[in-house]
Amino acid sequence: APWVLTGLGSRGLTVAVLCGEIAAAWLHDEPLPVERSLARALRAARWGAAGARPEKRVHPTKHNLPPP
């Protein structure tokens, strides 16, 4: 199955190689090139595991905080 690595943003050239190495390690069941906690934070399934889609999450800002 083909794999596509997209959505890297402004630091894409910096992290593309590392993310590719992590993906290859997962696919080939090899040791991860980074700490397991960092690799888990980069997993595509992290949104489903948290139980909410990213656009449904509310991050506190001055616009959505309750009044004092």
N, C-alpha and C. Protein backbone atom coordinates (compact mmCIF):
# COMPACT_ATOMS: atom_id res chain seq x y z
N ALA A 1 0.85 -1.18 0.00
CA ALA A 1 0.00 0.00 0.00
C ALA A 1 0.89 1.24 0.00
N PRO A 2 0.58 2.22 -0.81
CA PRO A 2 1.37 3.45 -0.83
C PRO A 2 1.10 4.29 0.42
N TRP A 3 2.09 4.99 0.87
CA TRP A 3 1.96 5.87 2.02
C TRP A 3 2.29 7.29 1.57
N VAL A 4 1.54 8.25 2.09
CA VAL A 4 1.75 9.65 1.74
C VAL A 4 2.01 10.43 3.02
N LEU A 5 3.03 11.24 3.01
CA LEU A 5 3.38 12.07 4.16
C LEU A 5 3.15 13.52 3.77
N THR A 6 2.06 14.12 4.28
CA THR A 6 1.71 15.48 3.92
C THR A 6 1.39 16.30 5.16
N GLY A 7 1.13 17.57 4.96
CA GLY A 7 0.70 18.44 6.05
C GLY A 7 1.81 18.79 7.02
N LEU A 8 3.03 18.92 6.54
CA LEU A 8 4.15 19.19 7.43
C LEU A 8 4.33 20.68 7.72
N GLY A 9 3.67 21.52 6.97
CA GLY A 9 3.71 22.95 7.24
C GLY A 9 5.05 23.60 6.92
N SER A 10 5.36 24.67 7.62
CA SER A 10 6.54 25.47 7.31
C SER A 10 7.85 24.76 7.62
N ARG A 11 7.82 23.75 8.45
CA ARG A 11 9.04 23.01 8.79
C ARG A 11 9.13 21.68 8.05
N GLY A 12 8.44 21.58 6.94
CA GLY A 12 8.37 20.33 6.20
C GLY A 12 9.71 19.77 5.78
N LEU A 13 10.60 20.62 5.27
CA LEU A 13 11.91 20.13 4.86
C LEU A 13 12.73 19.66 6.05
N THR A 14 12.48 20.22 7.21
CA THR A 14 13.23 19.85 8.40
C THR A 14 12.78 18.51 8.95
N VAL A 15 11.48 18.28 9.02
CA VAL A 15 10.97 17.07 9.67
C VAL A 15 10.59 15.95 8.72
N ALA A 16 10.61 16.19 7.41
CA ALA A 16 10.18 15.17 6.46
C ALA A 16 11.05 13.92 6.55
N VAL A 17 12.35 14.09 6.65
CA VAL A 17 13.25 12.94 6.72
C VAL A 17 13.01 12.15 8.00
N LEU A 18 12.88 12.84 9.12
CA LEU A 18 12.64 12.16 10.39
C LEU A 18 11.31 11.42 10.38
N CYS A 19 10.26 12.06 9.88
CA CYS A 19 8.95 11.40 9.81
C CYS A 19 8.99 10.20 8.87
N GLY A 20 9.75 10.31 7.79
CA GLY A 20 9.91 9.17 6.89
C GLY A 20 10.62 8.02 7.57
N GLU A 21 11.63 8.32 8.36
CA GLU A 21 12.34 7.28 9.11
C GLU A 21 11.43 6.60 10.13
N ILE A 22 10.60 7.39 10.79
CA ILE A 22 9.66 6.83 11.77
C ILE A 22 8.65 5.94 11.06
N ALA A 23 8.10 6.41 9.94
CA ALA A 23 7.13 5.61 9.19
C ALA A 23 7.76 4.31 8.71
N ALA A 24 8.98 4.38 8.21
CA ALA A 24 9.67 3.16 7.73
C ALA A 24 9.91 2.19 8.88
N ALA A 25 10.28 2.72 10.05
CA ALA A 25 10.51 1.85 11.21
C ALA A 25 9.22 1.15 11.62
N TRP A 26 8.09 1.86 11.61
CA TRP A 26 6.81 1.24 11.94
C TRP A 26 6.44 0.17 10.92
N LEU A 27 6.61 0.50 9.64
CA LEU A 27 6.22 -0.44 8.58
C LEU A 27 7.05 -1.71 8.59
N HIS A 28 8.33 -1.60 8.94
CA HIS A 28 9.23 -2.75 8.92
C HIS A 28 9.46 -3.35 10.30
N ASP A 29 8.71 -2.87 11.29
CA ASP A 29 8.81 -3.36 12.67
C ASP A 29 10.25 -3.31 13.17
N GLU A 30 10.88 -2.15 12.99
CA GLU A 30 12.25 -1.91 13.43
C GLU A 30 12.23 -0.96 14.62
N PRO A 31 13.35 -0.83 15.33
CA PRO A 31 13.42 0.14 16.43
C PRO A 31 13.20 1.56 15.93
N LEU A 32 12.51 2.35 16.72
CA LEU A 32 12.20 3.73 16.33
C LEU A 32 13.44 4.62 16.47
N PRO A 33 13.63 5.59 15.57
CA PRO A 33 14.79 6.48 15.65
C PRO A 33 14.63 7.60 16.69
N VAL A 34 13.49 7.67 17.35
CA VAL A 34 13.24 8.69 18.38
C VAL A 34 12.59 8.01 19.58
N GLU A 35 12.41 8.76 20.66
CA GLU A 35 11.73 8.21 21.83
C GLU A 35 10.31 7.80 21.46
N ARG A 36 9.82 6.75 22.10
CA ARG A 36 8.49 6.23 21.79
C ARG A 36 7.41 7.29 22.02
N SER A 37 7.55 8.12 23.05
CA SER A 37 6.53 9.14 23.32
C SER A 37 6.44 10.16 22.18
N LEU A 38 7.57 10.52 21.59
CA LEU A 38 7.55 11.44 20.46
C LEU A 38 6.94 10.78 19.23
N ALA A 39 7.28 9.53 18.99
CA ALA A 39 6.72 8.81 17.84
C ALA A 39 5.21 8.66 17.99
N ARG A 40 4.74 8.39 19.20
CA ARG A 40 3.29 8.25 19.42
C ARG A 40 2.58 9.58 19.20
N ALA A 41 3.24 10.69 19.54
CA ALA A 41 2.63 12.01 19.34
C ALA A 41 2.49 12.35 17.86
N LEU A 42 3.27 11.71 17.01
CA LEU A 42 3.23 11.97 15.57
C LEU A 42 2.32 11.02 14.81
N ARG A 43 1.76 10.01 15.48
CA ARG A 43 0.90 9.03 14.80
C ARG A 43 -0.34 9.70 14.23
N ALA A 44 -0.73 9.25 13.06
CA ALA A 44 -1.95 9.79 12.43
C ALA A 44 -3.19 9.42 13.24
N ALA A 45 -3.16 8.29 13.92
CA ALA A 45 -4.32 7.83 14.69
C ALA A 45 -4.47 8.56 16.02
N ARG A 46 -3.59 9.51 16.32
CA ARG A 46 -3.67 10.19 17.62
C ARG A 46 -4.98 10.94 17.79
N TRP A 47 -5.60 11.41 16.72
CA TRP A 47 -6.86 12.13 16.83
C TRP A 47 -7.98 11.18 17.21
N GLY A 48 -8.04 10.02 16.60
CA GLY A 48 -9.08 9.06 16.92
C GLY A 48 -8.91 8.49 18.31
N ALA A 49 -7.68 8.33 18.74
CA ALA A 49 -7.40 7.78 20.06
C ALA A 49 -7.85 8.75 21.16
N ALA A 50 -7.82 10.03 20.87
CA ALA A 50 -8.22 11.02 21.87
C ALA A 50 -9.73 11.15 21.96
N GLY A 51 -10.45 10.62 20.99
CA GLY A 51 -11.90 10.65 21.04
C GLY A 51 -12.53 11.88 20.42
N ALA A 52 -11.72 12.77 19.87
CA ALA A 52 -12.28 13.97 19.26
C ALA A 52 -11.45 14.35 18.05
N ARG A 53 -12.11 14.85 17.05
CA ARG A 53 -11.40 15.32 15.87
C ARG A 53 -10.75 16.65 16.20
N PRO A 54 -9.63 16.99 15.56
CA PRO A 54 -8.92 18.21 15.94
C PRO A 54 -9.75 19.49 15.83
N GLU A 55 -10.64 19.57 14.84
CA GLU A 55 -11.43 20.79 14.70
C GLU A 55 -12.51 20.91 15.77
N LYS A 56 -12.78 19.82 16.49
CA LYS A 56 -13.78 19.85 17.55
C LYS A 56 -13.17 20.23 18.90
N ARG A 57 -11.86 20.21 19.00
CA ARG A 57 -11.22 20.55 20.26
C ARG A 57 -11.26 22.06 20.46
N VAL A 58 -11.39 22.47 21.69
CA VAL A 58 -11.43 23.89 22.02
C VAL A 58 -10.18 24.22 22.79
N HIS A 59 -9.39 25.13 22.25
CA HIS A 59 -8.21 25.61 22.93
C HIS A 59 -8.53 26.96 23.53
N PRO A 60 -8.19 27.17 24.80
CA PRO A 60 -8.55 28.43 25.44
C PRO A 60 -7.88 29.62 24.77
N THR A 61 -8.68 30.58 24.42
CA THR A 61 -8.19 31.86 23.90
C THR A 61 -8.97 32.95 24.60
N LYS A 62 -8.60 34.18 24.36
CA LYS A 62 -9.34 35.27 25.00
C LYS A 62 -10.77 35.36 24.48
N HIS A 63 -11.05 34.73 23.32
CA HIS A 63 -12.38 34.80 22.73
C HIS A 63 -13.35 33.75 23.26
N ASN A 64 -12.84 32.62 23.78
CA ASN A 64 -13.76 31.58 24.22
C ASN A 64 -13.67 31.28 25.72
N LEU A 65 -12.98 32.11 26.48
CA LEU A 65 -12.93 31.92 27.93
C LEU A 65 -14.17 32.53 28.57
N PRO A 66 -14.64 31.94 29.67
CA PRO A 66 -15.79 32.54 30.35
C PRO A 66 -15.41 33.89 30.96
N PRO A 67 -16.36 34.78 31.13
CA PRO A 67 -16.05 36.09 31.72
C PRO A 67 -15.57 35.94 33.15
N PRO A 68 -14.72 36.85 33.62
CA PRO A 68 -14.19 36.76 35.01
C PRO A 68 -15.24 37.01 36.05
